[in-house]
Amino acid sequence: MASSQAQHRCVFVGNIPYDATEEQLIEICQEVGPVVSFRLVIDRETGKPKGYGFCEYKDEETALSARRNLQGYDINGRQLRVDFAENDKGNDRNKDQVYCLNFSK
């Protein structure tokens, strides 16, 4: 139950310019309310941002406000896409993994 509640407090922030800093994004996200945490997703191979991140707010109402008010927010010529995070924990770690079984002809 606690994880589903945390899920509703967390928003996905996409279309982030690659030159934007985590500090800039936290500032923008704080315009709608206090930010509990922000995670800018970094490519492990290049060490550069992937263009999206996740922001956790203290409550669901603030996350809903972020979804409404930050959608389309212009930063460095790009408009942010904001929506509730479906399941941000582990998505980045597991999405590129491929599992192979023993195949026989």
C-alpha atoms as a PDB file:
ATOM      1  CA  MET A   1       0.000   0.000   0.000  1.00  0.00           C
ATOM      2  CA  ALA A   2       2.778   2.436   0.842  1.00  0.00           C
ATOM      3  CA  SER A   3       4.405   1.920  -2.553  1.00  0.00           C
ATOM      4  CA  SER A   4       1.170   2.704  -4.409  1.00  0.00           C
ATOM      5  CA  GLN A   5       0.793   5.864  -2.342  1.00  0.00           C
ATOM      6  CA  ALA A   6       4.364   6.885  -3.161  1.00  0.00           C
ATOM      7  CA  GLN A   7       3.635   6.159  -6.811  1.00  0.00           C
ATOM      8  CA  HIS A   8       0.859   8.771  -6.818  1.00  0.00           C
ATOM      9  CA  ARG A   9       3.234  11.340  -5.349  1.00  0.00           C
ATOM     10  CA  CYS A  10       5.822  10.751  -8.056  1.00  0.00           C
ATOM     11  CA  VAL A  11       5.689  12.298 -11.527  1.00  0.00           C
ATOM     12  CA  PHE A  12       7.588  11.448 -14.693  1.00  0.00           C
ATOM     13  CA  VAL A  13       9.250  14.499 -16.265  1.00  0.00           C
ATOM     14  CA  GLY A  14      10.192  13.991 -19.905  1.00  0.00           C
ATOM     15  CA  ASN A  15      11.578  15.931 -22.863  1.00  0.00           C
ATOM     16  CA  ILE A  16      14.210  17.463 -20.583  1.00  0.00           C
ATOM     17  CA  PRO A  17      16.949  19.303 -22.503  1.00  0.00           C
ATOM     18  CA  TYR A  18      20.249  17.438 -22.254  1.00  0.00           C
ATOM     19  CA  ASP A  19      22.005  20.572 -20.958  1.00  0.00           C
ATOM     20  CA  ALA A  20      19.538  21.106 -18.085  1.00  0.00           C
ATOM     21  CA  THR A  21      20.886  20.473 -14.594  1.00  0.00           C
ATOM     22  CA  GLU A  22      19.205  18.604 -11.778  1.00  0.00           C
ATOM     23  CA  GLU A  23      19.255  21.846  -9.762  1.00  0.00           C
ATOM     24  CA  GLN A  24      17.347  23.698 -12.525  1.00  0.00           C
ATOM     25  CA  LEU A  25      14.754  20.950 -12.656  1.00  0.00           C
ATOM     26  CA  ILE A  26      14.287  20.902  -8.888  1.00  0.00           C
ATOM     27  CA  GLU A  27      13.752  24.684  -8.974  1.00  0.00           C
ATOM     28  CA  ILE A  28      11.098  24.294 -11.667  1.00  0.00           C
ATOM     29  CA  CYS A  29       9.387  21.432  -9.842  1.00  0.00           C
ATOM     30  CA  GLN A  30       9.356  23.439  -6.594  1.00  0.00           C
ATOM     31  CA  GLU A  31       7.181  26.072  -8.268  1.00  0.00           C
ATOM     32  CA  VAL A  32       4.161  23.856  -7.510  1.00  0.00           C
ATOM     33  CA  GLY A  33       5.249  22.651  -4.062  1.00  0.00           C
ATOM     34  CA  PRO A  34       8.019  21.153  -1.929  1.00  0.00           C
ATOM     35  CA  VAL A  35      10.070  18.447  -3.636  1.00  0.00           C
ATOM     36  CA  VAL A  36      10.907  15.355  -1.568  1.00  0.00           C
ATOM     37  CA  SER A  37      13.363  14.025  -4.153  1.00  0.00           C
ATOM     38  CA  PHE A  38      14.304  14.355  -7.805  1.00  0.00           C
ATOM     39  CA  ARG A  39      16.168  11.803  -9.900  1.00  0.00           C
ATOM     40  CA  LEU A  40      17.558  12.736 -13.308  1.00  0.00           C
ATOM     41  CA  VAL A  41      18.145   9.493 -15.218  1.00  0.00           C
ATOM     42  CA  ILE A  42      21.720   9.190 -16.479  1.00  0.00           C
ATOM     43  CA  ASP A  43      22.996   6.885 -19.231  1.00  0.00           C
ATOM     44  CA  ARG A  44      25.479   4.506 -17.596  1.00  0.00           C
ATOM     45  CA  GLU A  45      27.690   4.257 -20.669  1.00  0.00           C
ATOM     46  CA  THR A  46      27.977   7.945 -21.556  1.00  0.00           C
ATOM     47  CA  GLY A  47      27.389   9.497 -18.127  1.00  0.00           C
ATOM     48  CA  LYS A  48      24.998  11.987 -19.768  1.00  0.00           C
ATOM     49  CA  PRO A  49      21.316  12.610 -18.980  1.00  0.00           C
ATOM     50  CA  LYS A  50      18.786  10.559 -20.933  1.00  0.00           C
ATOM     51  CA  GLY A  51      16.281  13.434 -21.116  1.00  0.00           C
ATOM     52  CA  TYR A  52      13.878  12.354 -18.394  1.00  0.00           C
ATOM     53  CA  GLY A  53      13.596  12.099 -14.645  1.00  0.00           C
ATOM     54  CA  PHE A  54      11.273  11.534 -11.714  1.00  0.00           C
ATOM     55  CA  CYS A  55      10.084  14.001  -9.089  1.00  0.00           C
ATOM     56  CA  GLU A  56       8.540  12.950  -5.784  1.00  0.00           C
ATOM     57  CA  TYR A  57       6.274  15.370  -3.931  1.00  0.00           C
ATOM     58  CA  LYS A  58       5.035  15.199  -0.352  1.00  0.00           C
ATOM     59  CA  ASP A  59       1.457  14.381  -1.339  1.00  0.00           C
ATOM     60  CA  GLU A  60      -0.760  13.360  -4.220  1.00  0.00           C
ATOM     61  CA  GLU A  61      -2.353  16.817  -4.525  1.00  0.00           C
ATOM     62  CA  THR A  62       1.002  18.464  -5.188  1.00  0.00           C
ATOM     63  CA  ALA A  63       1.876  15.795  -7.765  1.00  0.00           C
ATOM     64  CA  LEU A  64      -1.472  16.418  -9.477  1.00  0.00           C
ATOM     65  CA  SER A  65      -0.737  20.155  -9.486  1.00  0.00           C
ATOM     66  CA  ALA A  66       2.673  19.465 -11.045  1.00  0.00           C
ATOM     67  CA  ARG A  67       1.043  17.340 -13.729  1.00  0.00           C
ATOM     68  CA  ARG A  68      -1.375  20.163 -14.560  1.00  0.00           C
ATOM     69  CA  ASN A  69       0.924  23.161 -14.215  1.00  0.00           C
ATOM     70  CA  LEU A  70       4.287  21.903 -15.473  1.00  0.00           C
ATOM     71  CA  GLN A  71       2.959  20.149 -18.585  1.00  0.00           C
ATOM     72  CA  GLY A  72       4.380  22.118 -21.524  1.00  0.00           C
ATOM     73  CA  TYR A  73       6.694  24.206 -19.310  1.00  0.00           C
ATOM     74  CA  ASP A  74       9.380  25.670 -21.577  1.00  0.00           C
ATOM     75  CA  ILE A  75      12.985  25.050 -20.566  1.00  0.00           C
ATOM     76  CA  ASN A  76      15.793  25.876 -22.985  1.00  0.00           C
ATOM     77  CA  GLY A  77      13.409  25.724 -25.944  1.00  0.00           C
ATOM     78  CA  ARG A  78      11.853  22.362 -25.053  1.00  0.00           C
ATOM     79  CA  GLN A  79       8.447  21.752 -23.540  1.00  0.00           C
ATOM     80  CA  LEU A  80       8.376  19.383 -20.594  1.00  0.00           C
ATOM     81  CA  ARG A  81       6.059  16.377 -20.589  1.00  0.00           C
ATOM     82  CA  VAL A  82       4.737  15.592 -17.131  1.00  0.00           C
ATOM     83  CA  ASP A  83       2.584  12.661 -16.048  1.00  0.00           C
ATOM     84  CA  PHE A  84       2.203  10.336 -13.091  1.00  0.00           C
ATOM     85  CA  ALA A  85       5.067   7.853 -12.908  1.00  0.00           C
ATOM     86  CA  GLU A  86       3.771   4.333 -13.467  1.00  0.00           C
ATOM     87  CA  ASN A  87       6.689   2.597 -11.796  1.00  0.00           C
ATOM     88  CA  ASP A  88       9.939   4.541 -11.838  1.00  0.00           C
ATOM     89  CA  LYS A  89      11.852   2.236  -9.516  1.00  0.00           C
ATOM     90  CA  GLY A  90      13.903  -0.185 -11.555  1.00  0.00           C
ATOM     91  CA  ASN A  91      12.648   0.790 -15.009  1.00  0.00           C
ATOM     92  CA  ASP A  92      15.988   2.199 -16.087  1.00  0.00           C
ATOM     93  CA  ARG A  93      17.925  -0.751 -14.708  1.00  0.00           C
ATOM     94  CA  ASN A  94      15.861  -3.469 -16.354  1.00  0.00           C
ATOM     95  CA  LYS A  95      14.598  -2.148 -19.660  1.00  0.00           C
ATOM     96  CA  ASP A  96      17.737  -2.981 -21.652  1.00  0.00           C
ATOM     97  CA  GLN A  97      18.238  -6.479 -20.274  1.00  0.00           C
ATOM     98  CA  VAL A  98      17.599  -9.465 -22.521  1.00  0.00           C
ATOM     99  CA  TYR A  99      17.195 -12.988 -21.217  1.00  0.00           C
ATOM    100  CA  CYS A 100      18.101 -15.899 -23.497  1.00  0.00           C
ATOM    101  CA  LEU A 101      17.260 -19.541 -22.998  1.00  0.00           C
ATOM    102  CA  ASN A 102      18.963 -22.559 -24.461  1.00  0.00           C
ATOM    103  CA  PHE A 103      17.615 -22.913 -27.979  1.00  0.00           C
ATOM    104  CA  SER A 104      18.027 -26.159 -29.840  1.00  0.00           C
ATOM    105  CA  LYS A 105      17.399 -26.835 -33.512  1.00  0.00           C
END
